[in-house]
Each structure stands twice: as structure tokens, then as C-alpha cells.
């Protein structure tokens, strides 16, 4: 398996002369290991180098919130995205602007970690690169697909098969039986929609 890759960040140096890709790598590995102050130091080096490198910093923090924190804290991506938006309300040279990446790093560094999404991504990536093509299951052929409609699969089929859930939460009323009864009644009595009924697209945007 080839490890050859072109990284444009390796071609820049930070304000203090450190190769760019090394700073990025040190940032992420420090967060993974819970080395908060080291991570903040590398982030600050990125920040004072340029606005473009600060943007790169935030893209990496967003990736880390999913790649390395993952199911350890499912709210991490929301918080990191919020902090990224907040920092943009402050000019680049404003003394408060670094607060937001410091706060983000403290949060990510101390969070419980989980890399399962990245592991699964890599499994699918490598399998695809070596020829695996997904097979469409029968349950995907419903009223929302051309093949499903050609097979006569309608709304009732969708409600019975296409919308079936695993690990469904318990609720007092899910309205499913009521909906099925309504459809049966409309079909039995052959009731037509009113002339001014709103019409939806037959495809999904």
C-alpha cells in the first residue's frame, strides 16, 4: 500500500520556522493524548502565522471532533462549529479571537475519545479502491425509485417495508396503524383528492 502523498502544508513554514505539516500533526496527536497545553501551543503557532493557517486549524479541530472524539461525545461537532462561527465575529488581530480555539482544544483534549467512524470510513475506502461495489438490497426498491414503482410498490409497501426501523424508541402513539387504516379506507371507498389539494414532487431533492 503506497503512502505517497502530496501535502501543500509541508511547503510552508510557521512564523517561528517550523514546517507546517509538522505543526498540524503535533496539534492533533497532542489532542489525542490529552496534552492540552502542548496542543494549544501548536495551535497558537498556526494562528500567528497567517489567517489561512488559522482557518486550517479550525478545519482540523472540526475533523478531530468527529475523527478522534466521535461517539465519545456526540455534541463535540456542534460545539466546535459554534466556536468557529463565534471567532469570526472578531478581527484577526483582536486579542479575544484566540480564546475560541483555546476553549475548543481544552474541550476536545479532555473529552472521551472514539475513532470508530474513522476506522469504518477507511474500511469502506480501501474496499472501494480494491473493487468492491455496493449491491442494492430489495428493501431499497420502493415508491421512491423507478424500479420500485415499476414493481407496483406503493405507499402501503413503503410503510410496511421501506420505513421499517430497527432500534426504534418506544412511544405511546406512533400513528402508523392510524395511517394504514386511513389509506385502506381511501382505497376501499375510492376517494379522490380534492381539486385544490397541494401536490408534492414525486422525487426527493
N, C-alpha and C. Protein backbone atom coordinates (compact mmCIF):
# COMPACT_ATOMS: atom_id res chain seq x y z
N UNK A 1 0.85 -1.19 0.00
CA UNK A 1 0.00 0.00 0.00
C UNK A 1 0.89 1.24 0.00
N UNK A 2 0.70 2.10 -0.98
CA UNK A 2 1.55 3.27 -1.13
C UNK A 2 1.19 4.34 -0.12
N UNK A 3 2.20 4.97 0.46
CA UNK A 3 1.99 6.08 1.38
C UNK A 3 2.36 7.41 0.73
N UNK A 4 2.58 7.40 -0.57
CA UNK A 4 2.97 8.61 -1.28
C UNK A 4 1.82 9.60 -1.29
N UNK A 5 2.07 10.82 -0.84
CA UNK A 5 1.02 11.84 -0.79
C UNK A 5 1.66 13.22 -0.90
N UNK A 6 0.96 14.11 -1.56
CA UNK A 6 1.43 15.50 -1.65
C UNK A 6 0.70 16.33 -0.61
N UNK A 7 1.42 16.99 0.25
CA UNK A 7 0.82 17.82 1.29
C UNK A 7 1.32 19.25 1.12
N UNK A 8 0.48 20.17 0.65
CA UNK A 8 0.92 21.55 0.45
C UNK A 8 1.36 22.23 1.73
N UNK A 9 0.84 21.76 2.88
CA UNK A 9 1.22 22.39 4.15
C UNK A 9 2.67 22.08 4.53
N UNK A 10 3.26 21.07 3.89
CA UNK A 10 4.67 20.78 4.14
C UNK A 10 5.57 21.82 3.48
N UNK A 11 5.00 22.60 2.58
CA UNK A 11 5.79 23.59 1.84
C UNK A 11 5.78 24.97 2.48
N UNK A 12 5.11 25.10 3.61
CA UNK A 12 5.13 26.39 4.30
C UNK A 12 5.85 26.24 5.64
N UNK A 13 6.29 27.35 6.15
CA UNK A 13 6.88 27.36 7.49
C UNK A 13 6.11 28.36 8.34
N UNK A 14 6.05 28.09 9.62
CA UNK A 14 5.32 28.97 10.53
C UNK A 14 6.13 30.22 10.83
N UNK A 15 5.55 31.11 11.58
CA UNK A 15 6.22 32.36 11.95
C UNK A 15 7.56 32.10 12.62
N UNK A 16 7.65 30.98 13.34
CA UNK A 16 8.90 30.65 14.03
C UNK A 16 9.71 29.58 13.33
N UNK A 17 9.42 29.35 12.04
CA UNK A 17 10.28 28.49 11.23
C UNK A 17 10.03 27.00 11.31
N UNK A 18 8.87 26.58 11.81
CA UNK A 18 8.55 25.16 11.88
C UNK A 18 7.80 24.75 10.62
N UNK A 19 8.12 23.58 10.08
CA UNK A 19 7.43 23.10 8.89
C UNK A 19 5.95 22.90 9.18
N UNK A 20 5.10 23.39 8.28
CA UNK A 20 3.66 23.43 8.52
C UNK A 20 3.02 22.10 8.85
N UNK A 21 3.35 21.06 8.08
CA UNK A 21 2.71 19.76 8.32
C UNK A 21 3.08 19.18 9.68
N UNK A 22 4.26 19.54 10.19
CA UNK A 22 4.68 19.04 11.50
C UNK A 22 3.85 19.66 12.61
N UNK A 23 3.54 20.94 12.47
CA UNK A 23 2.72 21.62 13.48
C UNK A 23 1.30 21.05 13.50
N UNK A 24 0.76 20.81 12.31
CA UNK A 24 -0.59 20.24 12.21
C UNK A 24 -0.62 18.86 12.86
N UNK A 25 0.37 18.05 12.55
CA UNK A 25 0.44 16.70 13.11
C UNK A 25 0.59 16.73 14.62
N UNK A 26 1.45 17.62 15.11
CA UNK A 26 1.67 17.72 16.55
C UNK A 26 0.42 18.19 17.27
N UNK A 27 -0.33 19.08 16.64
CA UNK A 27 -1.59 19.54 17.22
C UNK A 27 -2.54 18.38 17.46
N UNK A 28 -2.77 17.59 16.41
CA UNK A 28 -3.76 16.52 16.52
C UNK A 28 -3.31 15.40 17.45
N UNK A 29 -2.04 15.04 17.36
CA UNK A 29 -1.55 13.96 18.23
C UNK A 29 -1.58 14.39 19.69
N UNK A 30 -1.34 15.67 19.95
CA UNK A 30 -1.39 16.16 21.33
C UNK A 30 -2.81 16.11 21.87
N UNK A 31 -3.79 16.48 21.04
CA UNK A 31 -5.18 16.41 21.47
C UNK A 31 -5.57 14.96 21.73
N UNK A 32 -5.14 14.05 20.86
CA UNK A 32 -5.46 12.63 21.05
C UNK A 32 -4.95 12.12 22.38
N UNK A 33 -3.79 12.61 22.79
CA UNK A 33 -3.16 12.13 24.03
C UNK A 33 -3.55 12.94 25.25
N UNK A 34 -4.42 13.92 25.08
CA UNK A 34 -4.84 14.73 26.21
C UNK A 34 -3.80 15.73 26.67
N UNK A 35 -2.85 16.06 25.80
CA UNK A 35 -1.80 17.02 26.15
C UNK A 35 -2.27 18.42 25.78
N UNK A 36 -3.12 18.96 26.63
CA UNK A 36 -3.83 20.19 26.31
C UNK A 36 -2.92 21.38 26.04
N UNK A 37 -1.98 21.65 26.94
CA UNK A 37 -1.13 22.83 26.78
C UNK A 37 -0.24 22.73 25.55
N UNK A 38 0.27 21.54 25.27
CA UNK A 38 1.07 21.36 24.05
C UNK A 38 0.21 21.66 22.82
N UNK A 39 -1.00 21.13 22.82
CA UNK A 39 -1.89 21.35 21.68
C UNK A 39 -2.20 22.83 21.50
N UNK A 40 -2.46 23.53 22.58
CA UNK A 40 -2.74 24.96 22.49
C UNK A 40 -1.53 25.72 21.96
N UNK A 41 -0.34 25.31 22.37
CA UNK A 41 0.88 25.96 21.89
C UNK A 41 1.04 25.80 20.38
N UNK A 42 0.80 24.60 19.88
CA UNK A 42 0.89 24.38 18.43
C UNK A 42 -0.21 25.13 17.69
N UNK A 43 -1.39 25.19 18.28
CA UNK A 43 -2.49 25.94 17.66
C UNK A 43 -2.15 27.43 17.59
N UNK A 44 -1.53 27.94 18.63
CA UNK A 44 -1.16 29.36 18.64
C UNK A 44 -0.12 29.65 17.57
N UNK A 45 0.79 28.72 17.36
CA UNK A 45 1.79 28.88 16.30
C UNK A 45 1.11 28.96 14.94
N UNK A 46 0.08 28.17 14.74
CA UNK A 46 -0.68 28.24 13.49
C UNK A 46 -1.41 29.57 13.38
N UNK A 47 -1.99 30.00 14.48
CA UNK A 47 -2.76 31.24 14.49
C UNK A 47 -1.91 32.46 14.13
N UNK A 48 -0.75 32.58 14.73
CA UNK A 48 0.07 33.77 14.50
C UNK A 48 0.81 33.74 13.17
N UNK A 49 0.76 32.61 12.48
CA UNK A 49 1.44 32.51 11.18
C UNK A 49 0.65 33.22 10.09
N UNK A 50 -0.66 32.96 10.00
CA UNK A 50 -1.49 33.62 8.98
C UNK A 50 -2.95 33.29 9.22
N UNK A 51 -3.82 34.09 8.64
CA UNK A 51 -5.25 33.81 8.73
C UNK A 51 -5.59 32.50 8.03
N UNK A 52 -4.87 32.20 6.94
CA UNK A 52 -5.11 30.96 6.21
C UNK A 52 -4.76 29.74 7.07
N UNK A 53 -3.67 29.87 7.84
CA UNK A 53 -3.28 28.75 8.70
C UNK A 53 -4.23 28.64 9.89
N UNK A 54 -4.79 29.75 10.31
CA UNK A 54 -5.81 29.71 11.36
C UNK A 54 -7.06 28.97 10.85
N UNK A 55 -7.43 29.24 9.60
CA UNK A 55 -8.56 28.53 9.01
C UNK A 55 -8.29 27.02 8.96
N UNK A 56 -7.05 26.67 8.61
CA UNK A 56 -6.66 25.26 8.60
C UNK A 56 -6.78 24.66 10.00
N UNK A 57 -6.39 25.42 11.00
CA UNK A 57 -6.51 24.99 12.39
C UNK A 57 -7.96 24.61 12.71
N UNK A 58 -8.89 25.46 12.32
CA UNK A 58 -10.29 25.20 12.65
C UNK A 58 -10.85 24.02 11.86
N UNK A 59 -10.41 23.86 10.62
CA UNK A 59 -10.85 22.67 9.87
C UNK A 59 -10.36 21.39 10.55
N UNK A 60 -9.14 21.44 11.10
CA UNK A 60 -8.60 20.26 11.78
C UNK A 60 -9.36 19.99 13.07
N UNK A 61 -9.70 21.06 13.80
CA UNK A 61 -10.45 20.88 15.04
C UNK A 61 -11.83 20.29 14.75
N UNK A 62 -12.44 20.72 13.65
CA UNK A 62 -13.74 20.16 13.27
C UNK A 62 -13.60 18.67 12.94
N UNK A 63 -12.54 18.33 12.22
CA UNK A 63 -12.31 16.92 11.88
C UNK A 63 -12.05 16.10 13.14
N UNK A 64 -11.27 16.63 14.05
CA UNK A 64 -10.95 15.93 15.30
C UNK A 64 -12.21 15.64 16.11
N UNK A 65 -13.16 16.57 16.08
CA UNK A 65 -14.39 16.38 16.86
C UNK A 65 -15.15 15.14 16.43
N UNK A 66 -14.97 14.72 15.18
CA UNK A 66 -15.62 13.51 14.67
C UNK A 66 -14.64 12.34 14.61
N UNK A 67 -13.44 12.61 14.09
CA UNK A 67 -12.46 11.55 13.88
C UNK A 67 -11.95 10.94 15.17
N UNK A 68 -11.64 11.77 16.15
CA UNK A 68 -11.00 11.29 17.37
C UNK A 68 -11.89 11.29 18.61
N UNK A 69 -12.89 12.16 18.63
CA UNK A 69 -13.83 12.19 19.76
C UNK A 69 -15.05 11.33 19.43
N UNK A 70 -15.61 11.54 18.26
CA UNK A 70 -16.66 10.66 17.77
C UNK A 70 -17.79 10.41 18.74
N UNK A 71 -18.09 9.13 18.98
CA UNK A 71 -19.17 8.75 19.87
C UNK A 71 -18.80 8.96 21.34
N UNK A 72 -17.57 9.37 21.60
CA UNK A 72 -17.20 9.69 22.97
C UNK A 72 -17.95 10.90 23.48
N UNK A 73 -18.30 11.80 22.57
CA UNK A 73 -19.09 12.99 22.90
C UNK A 73 -19.75 13.48 21.62
N UNK A 74 -20.99 13.08 21.41
CA UNK A 74 -21.68 13.40 20.15
C UNK A 74 -21.99 14.88 19.99
N UNK A 75 -21.87 15.66 21.06
CA UNK A 75 -22.11 17.10 20.96
C UNK A 75 -20.86 17.86 20.54
N UNK A 76 -19.73 17.18 20.45
CA UNK A 76 -18.47 17.86 20.12
C UNK A 76 -18.51 18.62 18.79
N UNK A 77 -19.01 18.03 17.69
CA UNK A 77 -19.03 18.77 16.43
C UNK A 77 -19.87 20.04 16.51
N UNK A 78 -20.96 19.99 17.27
CA UNK A 78 -21.82 21.17 17.39
C UNK A 78 -21.09 22.29 18.11
N UNK A 79 -20.43 21.97 19.20
CA UNK A 79 -19.71 23.00 19.95
C UNK A 79 -18.56 23.57 19.15
N UNK A 80 -17.78 22.71 18.49
CA UNK A 80 -16.63 23.20 17.72
C UNK A 80 -17.09 24.08 16.57
N UNK A 81 -18.16 23.69 15.91
CA UNK A 81 -18.68 24.52 14.82
C UNK A 81 -19.17 25.87 15.35
N UNK A 82 -19.80 25.86 16.52
CA UNK A 82 -20.27 27.10 17.13
C UNK A 82 -19.11 28.02 17.48
N UNK A 83 -18.07 27.47 18.08
CA UNK A 83 -16.90 28.27 18.43
C UNK A 83 -16.22 28.83 17.18
N UNK A 84 -16.19 28.05 16.12
CA UNK A 84 -15.60 28.52 14.86
C UNK A 84 -16.39 29.71 14.33
N UNK A 85 -17.71 29.63 14.38
CA UNK A 85 -18.54 30.75 13.93
C UNK A 85 -18.36 31.97 14.82
N UNK A 86 -18.25 31.76 16.11
CA UNK A 86 -18.10 32.87 17.05
C UNK A 86 -16.80 33.63 16.83
N UNK A 87 -15.70 32.92 16.59
CA UNK A 87 -14.40 33.59 16.44
C UNK A 87 -14.39 34.50 15.23
N UNK A 88 -15.25 34.20 14.23
CA UNK A 88 -15.28 35.01 13.03
C UNK A 88 -15.91 36.38 13.25
N UNK A 89 -16.54 36.57 14.41
CA UNK A 89 -17.09 37.89 14.76
C UNK A 89 -16.02 38.83 15.29
N UNK A 90 -14.80 38.33 15.46
CA UNK A 90 -13.70 39.13 15.98
C UNK A 90 -12.62 39.28 14.91
N UNK A 91 -12.06 40.48 14.74
CA UNK A 91 -10.99 40.66 13.76
C UNK A 91 -9.80 39.74 14.06
N UNK A 92 -9.02 39.44 13.04
CA UNK A 92 -7.89 38.52 13.18
C UNK A 92 -6.94 38.94 14.30
N UNK A 93 -6.68 40.23 14.42
CA UNK A 93 -5.71 40.71 15.41
C UNK A 93 -6.35 41.05 16.75
N UNK A 94 -7.62 40.75 16.92
CA UNK A 94 -8.29 41.02 18.19
C UNK A 94 -7.79 40.03 19.24
N UNK A 95 -7.47 40.55 20.41
CA UNK A 95 -6.91 39.71 21.47
C UNK A 95 -7.83 38.63 21.98
N UNK A 96 -9.13 38.77 21.74
CA UNK A 96 -10.08 37.76 22.20
C UNK A 96 -10.23 36.59 21.23
N UNK A 97 -9.78 36.79 19.99
CA UNK A 97 -10.02 35.75 18.98
C UNK A 97 -9.38 34.40 19.33
N UNK A 98 -8.18 34.36 19.89
CA UNK A 98 -7.58 33.06 20.25
C UNK A 98 -8.35 32.29 21.33
N UNK A 99 -9.17 33.02 22.11
CA UNK A 99 -9.93 32.35 23.17
C UNK A 99 -10.72 31.16 22.64
N UNK A 100 -11.22 31.30 21.42
CA UNK A 100 -12.14 30.29 20.91
C UNK A 100 -11.44 28.99 20.55
N UNK A 101 -10.23 29.07 19.99
CA UNK A 101 -9.53 27.80 19.72
C UNK A 101 -8.94 27.22 21.00
N UNK A 102 -8.58 28.08 21.95
CA UNK A 102 -8.10 27.56 23.24
C UNK A 102 -9.23 26.77 23.92
N UNK A 103 -10.41 27.35 23.92
CA UNK A 103 -11.56 26.69 24.54
C UNK A 103 -11.89 25.38 23.82
N UNK A 104 -11.85 25.43 22.49
CA UNK A 104 -12.14 24.23 21.69
C UNK A 104 -11.15 23.11 21.98
N UNK A 105 -9.88 23.46 22.07
CA UNK A 105 -8.85 22.45 22.32
C UNK A 105 -8.97 21.87 23.72
N UNK A 106 -9.24 22.70 24.70
CA UNK A 106 -9.44 22.19 26.06
C UNK A 106 -10.58 21.18 26.10
N UNK A 107 -11.62 21.49 25.38
CA UNK A 107 -12.79 20.61 25.32
C UNK A 107 -12.45 19.29 24.64
N UNK A 108 -11.83 19.36 23.47
CA UNK A 108 -11.51 18.15 22.71
C UNK A 108 -10.47 17.30 23.42
N UNK A 109 -9.51 17.95 24.03
CA UNK A 109 -8.41 17.23 24.68
C UNK A 109 -8.89 16.42 25.88
N UNK A 110 -9.85 16.97 26.62
CA UNK A 110 -10.32 16.29 27.82
C UNK A 110 -11.53 15.38 27.57
N UNK A 111 -12.07 15.43 26.35
CA UNK A 111 -13.25 14.61 26.03
C UNK A 111 -12.88 13.13 25.94
N UNK A 112 -13.87 12.28 26.17
CA UNK A 112 -13.68 10.85 25.91
C UNK A 112 -13.48 10.67 24.41
N UNK A 113 -12.65 9.70 24.03
CA UNK A 113 -12.26 9.54 22.63
C UNK A 113 -12.85 8.27 22.01
N UNK A 114 -13.04 8.34 20.70
CA UNK A 114 -13.57 7.19 19.95
C UNK A 114 -13.25 7.39 18.47
N UNK A 115 -12.57 6.42 17.85
CA UNK A 115 -12.15 6.55 16.46
C UNK A 115 -12.92 5.60 15.51
N UNK A 116 -14.06 5.09 15.96
CA UNK A 116 -14.74 4.07 15.16
C UNK A 116 -15.26 4.59 13.83
N UNK A 117 -15.71 5.84 13.76
CA UNK A 117 -16.19 6.38 12.48
C UNK A 117 -15.06 6.46 11.47
N UNK A 118 -13.88 6.87 11.92
CA UNK A 118 -12.74 6.94 11.01
C UNK A 118 -12.31 5.54 10.57
N UNK A 119 -12.35 4.59 11.50
CA UNK A 119 -12.00 3.21 11.14
C UNK A 119 -12.95 2.66 10.08
N UNK A 120 -14.24 2.89 10.27
CA UNK A 120 -15.23 2.41 9.30
C UNK A 120 -15.06 3.12 7.96
N UNK A 121 -14.79 4.42 8.00
CA UNK A 121 -14.54 5.16 6.76
C UNK A 121 -13.40 4.54 5.97
N UNK A 122 -12.32 4.19 6.67
CA UNK A 122 -11.16 3.62 6.00
C UNK A 122 -11.43 2.22 5.45
N UNK A 123 -12.23 1.44 6.17
CA UNK A 123 -12.60 0.12 5.65
C UNK A 123 -13.31 0.26 4.31
N UNK A 124 -14.33 1.14 4.27
CA UNK A 124 -15.10 1.34 3.04
C UNK A 124 -14.22 1.92 1.94
N UNK A 125 -13.34 2.85 2.30
CA UNK A 125 -12.46 3.48 1.31
C UNK A 125 -11.54 2.45 0.66
N UNK A 126 -10.91 1.61 1.48
CA UNK A 126 -9.98 0.62 0.94
C UNK A 126 -10.71 -0.47 0.15
N UNK A 127 -11.88 -0.88 0.64
CA UNK A 127 -12.65 -1.88 -0.10
C UNK A 127 -13.07 -1.35 -1.46
N UNK A 128 -13.52 -0.10 -1.51
CA UNK A 128 -13.93 0.51 -2.77
C UNK A 128 -12.76 0.64 -3.73
N UNK A 129 -11.60 1.03 -3.20
CA UNK A 129 -10.41 1.19 -4.03
C UNK A 129 -9.95 -0.13 -4.63
N UNK A 130 -10.35 -1.24 -4.01
CA UNK A 130 -9.94 -2.55 -4.49
C UNK A 130 -11.09 -3.32 -5.14
N UNK A 131 -12.09 -2.57 -5.62
CA UNK A 131 -13.09 -3.16 -6.49
C UNK A 131 -14.44 -3.50 -5.91
N UNK A 132 -14.64 -3.27 -4.62
CA UNK A 132 -15.95 -3.61 -4.06
C UNK A 132 -17.00 -2.60 -4.51
N UNK A 133 -18.11 -3.09 -5.04
CA UNK A 133 -19.22 -2.23 -5.47
C UNK A 133 -20.45 -2.59 -4.63
N UNK A 134 -21.14 -1.60 -4.06
CA UNK A 134 -22.30 -1.93 -3.21
C UNK A 134 -23.44 -2.54 -4.01
N UNK A 135 -24.13 -3.51 -3.40
CA UNK A 135 -25.30 -4.14 -4.01
C UNK A 135 -26.56 -3.53 -3.42
N UNK A 136 -27.48 -3.12 -4.27
CA UNK A 136 -28.72 -2.50 -3.81
C UNK A 136 -29.66 -3.59 -3.29
N UNK A 137 -30.07 -3.53 -2.02
CA UNK A 137 -30.96 -4.55 -1.46
C UNK A 137 -32.40 -4.37 -1.95
N UNK A 138 -33.17 -5.44 -1.87
CA UNK A 138 -34.56 -5.40 -2.32
C UNK A 138 -35.37 -4.35 -1.57
N UNK A 139 -35.10 -4.17 -0.27
CA UNK A 139 -35.91 -3.24 0.50
C UNK A 139 -35.73 -1.78 0.08
N UNK A 140 -34.70 -1.51 -0.73
CA UNK A 140 -34.50 -0.14 -1.23
C UNK A 140 -35.37 0.16 -2.45
N UNK A 141 -35.95 -0.87 -3.03
CA UNK A 141 -36.79 -0.70 -4.21
C UNK A 141 -38.22 -0.43 -3.76
N UNK A 142 -38.56 0.84 -3.68
CA UNK A 142 -39.90 1.21 -3.23
C UNK A 142 -40.46 2.34 -4.10
N UNK A 143 -41.48 3.01 -3.62
CA UNK A 143 -42.16 4.05 -4.38
C UNK A 143 -41.26 5.24 -4.72
N UNK A 144 -40.12 5.34 -4.05
CA UNK A 144 -39.21 6.45 -4.30
C UNK A 144 -38.22 6.16 -5.42
N UNK A 145 -38.25 4.95 -5.98
CA UNK A 145 -37.32 4.58 -7.05
C UNK A 145 -38.09 4.14 -8.29
N UNK A 146 -37.46 4.32 -9.44
CA UNK A 146 -38.08 3.94 -10.70
C UNK A 146 -38.39 2.44 -10.73
N UNK A 147 -37.42 1.63 -10.30
CA UNK A 147 -37.63 0.18 -10.30
C UNK A 147 -38.74 -0.23 -9.35
N UNK A 148 -38.78 0.42 -8.19
CA UNK A 148 -39.81 0.10 -7.21
C UNK A 148 -41.21 0.41 -7.73
N UNK A 149 -41.36 1.55 -8.37
CA UNK A 149 -42.66 1.90 -8.94
C UNK A 149 -43.07 0.93 -10.05
N UNK A 150 -42.08 0.50 -10.85
CA UNK A 150 -42.37 -0.46 -11.92
C UNK A 150 -42.83 -1.80 -11.35
N UNK A 151 -42.42 -2.09 -10.13
CA UNK A 151 -42.82 -3.34 -9.46
C UNK A 151 -44.17 -3.19 -8.76
N UNK A 152 -44.75 -1.99 -8.84
CA UNK A 152 -46.04 -1.76 -8.21
C UNK A 152 -45.97 -1.48 -6.73
N UNK A 153 -44.82 -1.13 -6.25
CA UNK A 153 -44.66 -0.88 -4.82
C UNK A 153 -45.14 0.54 -4.49
N UNK A 154 -46.14 0.61 -3.63
CA UNK A 154 -46.82 1.86 -3.34
C UNK A 154 -46.56 2.35 -1.93
N UNK A 155 -47.40 3.29 -1.48
CA UNK A 155 -47.23 3.85 -0.15
C UNK A 155 -47.38 2.79 0.94
N UNK A 156 -48.33 1.89 0.78
CA UNK A 156 -48.52 0.85 1.79
C UNK A 156 -47.29 -0.05 1.88
N UNK A 157 -46.71 -0.37 0.75
CA UNK A 157 -45.47 -1.16 0.76
C UNK A 157 -44.37 -0.40 1.49
N UNK A 158 -44.28 0.90 1.22
CA UNK A 158 -43.27 1.71 1.88
C UNK A 158 -43.45 1.71 3.40
N UNK A 159 -44.69 1.86 3.83
CA UNK A 159 -44.95 1.90 5.27
C UNK A 159 -44.67 0.56 5.95
N UNK A 160 -44.83 -0.52 5.20
CA UNK A 160 -44.62 -1.84 5.77
C UNK A 160 -43.17 -2.31 5.66
N UNK A 161 -42.47 -1.85 4.62
CA UNK A 161 -41.10 -2.31 4.39
C UNK A 161 -40.07 -1.19 4.39
N UNK A 162 -40.26 -0.21 3.51
CA UNK A 162 -39.24 0.84 3.35
C UNK A 162 -39.02 1.70 4.57
N UNK A 163 -40.06 1.89 5.37
CA UNK A 163 -39.94 2.75 6.55
C UNK A 163 -39.69 1.97 7.84
N UNK A 164 -39.46 0.67 7.71
CA UNK A 164 -39.25 -0.17 8.90
C UNK A 164 -37.99 0.26 9.65
N UNK A 165 -38.09 0.36 10.95
CA UNK A 165 -36.99 0.82 11.79
C UNK A 165 -36.47 -0.28 12.70
N UNK A 166 -35.17 -0.30 12.87
CA UNK A 166 -34.56 -1.12 13.92
C UNK A 166 -34.16 -0.18 15.06
N UNK A 167 -34.22 -0.69 16.27
CA UNK A 167 -33.85 0.10 17.44
C UNK A 167 -34.76 1.32 17.61
N UNK A 168 -36.03 1.14 17.30
CA UNK A 168 -37.00 2.24 17.39
C UNK A 168 -37.33 2.53 18.85
N UNK A 169 -37.45 3.80 19.18
CA UNK A 169 -37.77 4.18 20.55
C UNK A 169 -39.24 3.85 20.85
N UNK A 170 -39.54 3.49 22.09
CA UNK A 170 -40.94 3.23 22.46
C UNK A 170 -41.71 4.54 22.60
N UNK A 171 -42.89 4.60 22.00
CA UNK A 171 -43.74 5.78 22.09
C UNK A 171 -45.17 5.33 22.37
N UNK A 172 -45.96 6.23 22.95
CA UNK A 172 -47.36 5.89 23.24
C UNK A 172 -48.17 5.78 21.95
N UNK A 173 -47.89 6.63 20.98
CA UNK A 173 -48.64 6.64 19.72
C UNK A 173 -47.70 7.01 18.58
N UNK A 174 -47.48 6.06 17.66
CA UNK A 174 -46.62 6.37 16.52
C UNK A 174 -47.41 6.67 15.24
N UNK A 175 -48.72 6.61 15.34
CA UNK A 175 -49.64 6.98 14.25
C UNK A 175 -49.57 6.05 13.04
N UNK A 176 -48.76 5.00 13.10
CA UNK A 176 -48.60 4.12 11.95
C UNK A 176 -49.89 3.37 11.63
N UNK A 177 -50.48 2.74 12.64
CA UNK A 177 -51.71 1.97 12.40
C UNK A 177 -52.83 2.88 11.93
N UNK A 178 -52.87 4.08 12.49
CA UNK A 178 -53.90 5.05 12.07
C UNK A 178 -53.71 5.44 10.61
N UNK A 179 -52.48 5.63 10.19
CA UNK A 179 -52.18 5.99 8.81
C UNK A 179 -52.55 4.86 7.86
N UNK A 180 -52.20 3.63 8.24
CA UNK A 180 -52.53 2.48 7.40
C UNK A 180 -54.05 2.30 7.27
N UNK A 181 -54.77 2.51 8.37
CA UNK A 181 -56.23 2.42 8.32
C UNK A 181 -56.81 3.49 7.39
N UNK A 182 -56.23 4.69 7.44
CA UNK A 182 -56.70 5.77 6.58
C UNK A 182 -56.49 5.44 5.11
N UNK A 183 -55.32 4.90 4.79
CA UNK A 183 -55.03 4.52 3.40
C UNK A 183 -55.98 3.43 2.94
N UNK A 184 -56.22 2.44 3.79
CA UNK A 184 -57.16 1.36 3.45
C UNK A 184 -58.55 1.92 3.17
N UNK A 185 -58.96 2.87 3.99
CA UNK A 185 -60.29 3.47 3.83
C UNK A 185 -60.40 4.24 2.52
N UNK A 186 -59.36 5.01 2.20
CA UNK A 186 -59.36 5.78 0.95
C UNK A 186 -59.40 4.85 -0.25
N UNK A 187 -58.61 3.77 -0.19
CA UNK A 187 -58.59 2.83 -1.31
C UNK A 187 -59.92 2.08 -1.44
N UNK A 188 -60.47 1.69 -0.32
CA UNK A 188 -61.72 0.93 -0.34
C UNK A 188 -62.87 1.76 -0.89
N UNK A 189 -62.92 3.01 -0.48
CA UNK A 189 -64.02 3.89 -0.89
C UNK A 189 -63.70 4.64 -2.18
N UNK A 190 -62.45 4.45 -2.67
CA UNK A 190 -62.01 5.10 -3.91
C UNK A 190 -62.21 6.61 -3.86
N UNK A 191 -61.81 7.20 -2.75
CA UNK A 191 -61.93 8.64 -2.56
C UNK A 191 -60.82 9.35 -3.31
N UNK A 192 -61.18 10.35 -4.11
CA UNK A 192 -60.21 11.11 -4.88
C UNK A 192 -59.81 12.38 -4.11
N UNK A 193 -58.58 12.87 -4.29
CA UNK A 193 -58.18 14.12 -3.65
C UNK A 193 -59.04 15.28 -4.16
N UNK A 194 -59.20 16.29 -3.33
CA UNK A 194 -59.94 17.49 -3.75
C UNK A 194 -59.18 18.19 -4.86
N UNK A 195 -59.86 19.00 -5.64
CA UNK A 195 -59.25 19.61 -6.83
C UNK A 195 -58.11 20.57 -6.51
N UNK A 196 -58.17 21.20 -5.33
CA UNK A 196 -57.12 22.16 -4.98
C UNK A 196 -56.11 21.59 -3.98
N UNK A 197 -56.01 20.28 -3.91
CA UNK A 197 -55.05 19.65 -2.99
C UNK A 197 -53.63 19.99 -3.40
N UNK A 198 -52.79 20.25 -2.41
CA UNK A 198 -51.38 20.55 -2.69
C UNK A 198 -50.70 19.32 -3.28
N UNK A 199 -49.88 19.53 -4.30
CA UNK A 199 -49.20 18.42 -4.96
C UNK A 199 -47.70 18.46 -4.69
N UNK A 200 -47.16 17.36 -4.19
CA UNK A 200 -45.73 17.27 -3.91
C UNK A 200 -44.99 16.68 -5.10
N UNK A 201 -43.70 16.97 -5.19
CA UNK A 201 -42.86 16.35 -6.21
C UNK A 201 -42.82 14.85 -5.98
N UNK A 202 -42.68 14.10 -7.06
CA UNK A 202 -42.59 12.66 -6.94
C UNK A 202 -41.18 12.16 -6.70
N UNK A 203 -40.26 13.08 -6.52
CA UNK A 203 -38.85 12.73 -6.29
C UNK A 203 -38.33 13.51 -5.10
N UNK A 204 -37.22 13.05 -4.56
CA UNK A 204 -36.64 13.69 -3.38
C UNK A 204 -35.52 14.63 -3.78
N UNK A 205 -35.54 15.83 -3.23
CA UNK A 205 -34.49 16.81 -3.54
C UNK A 205 -33.18 16.39 -2.91
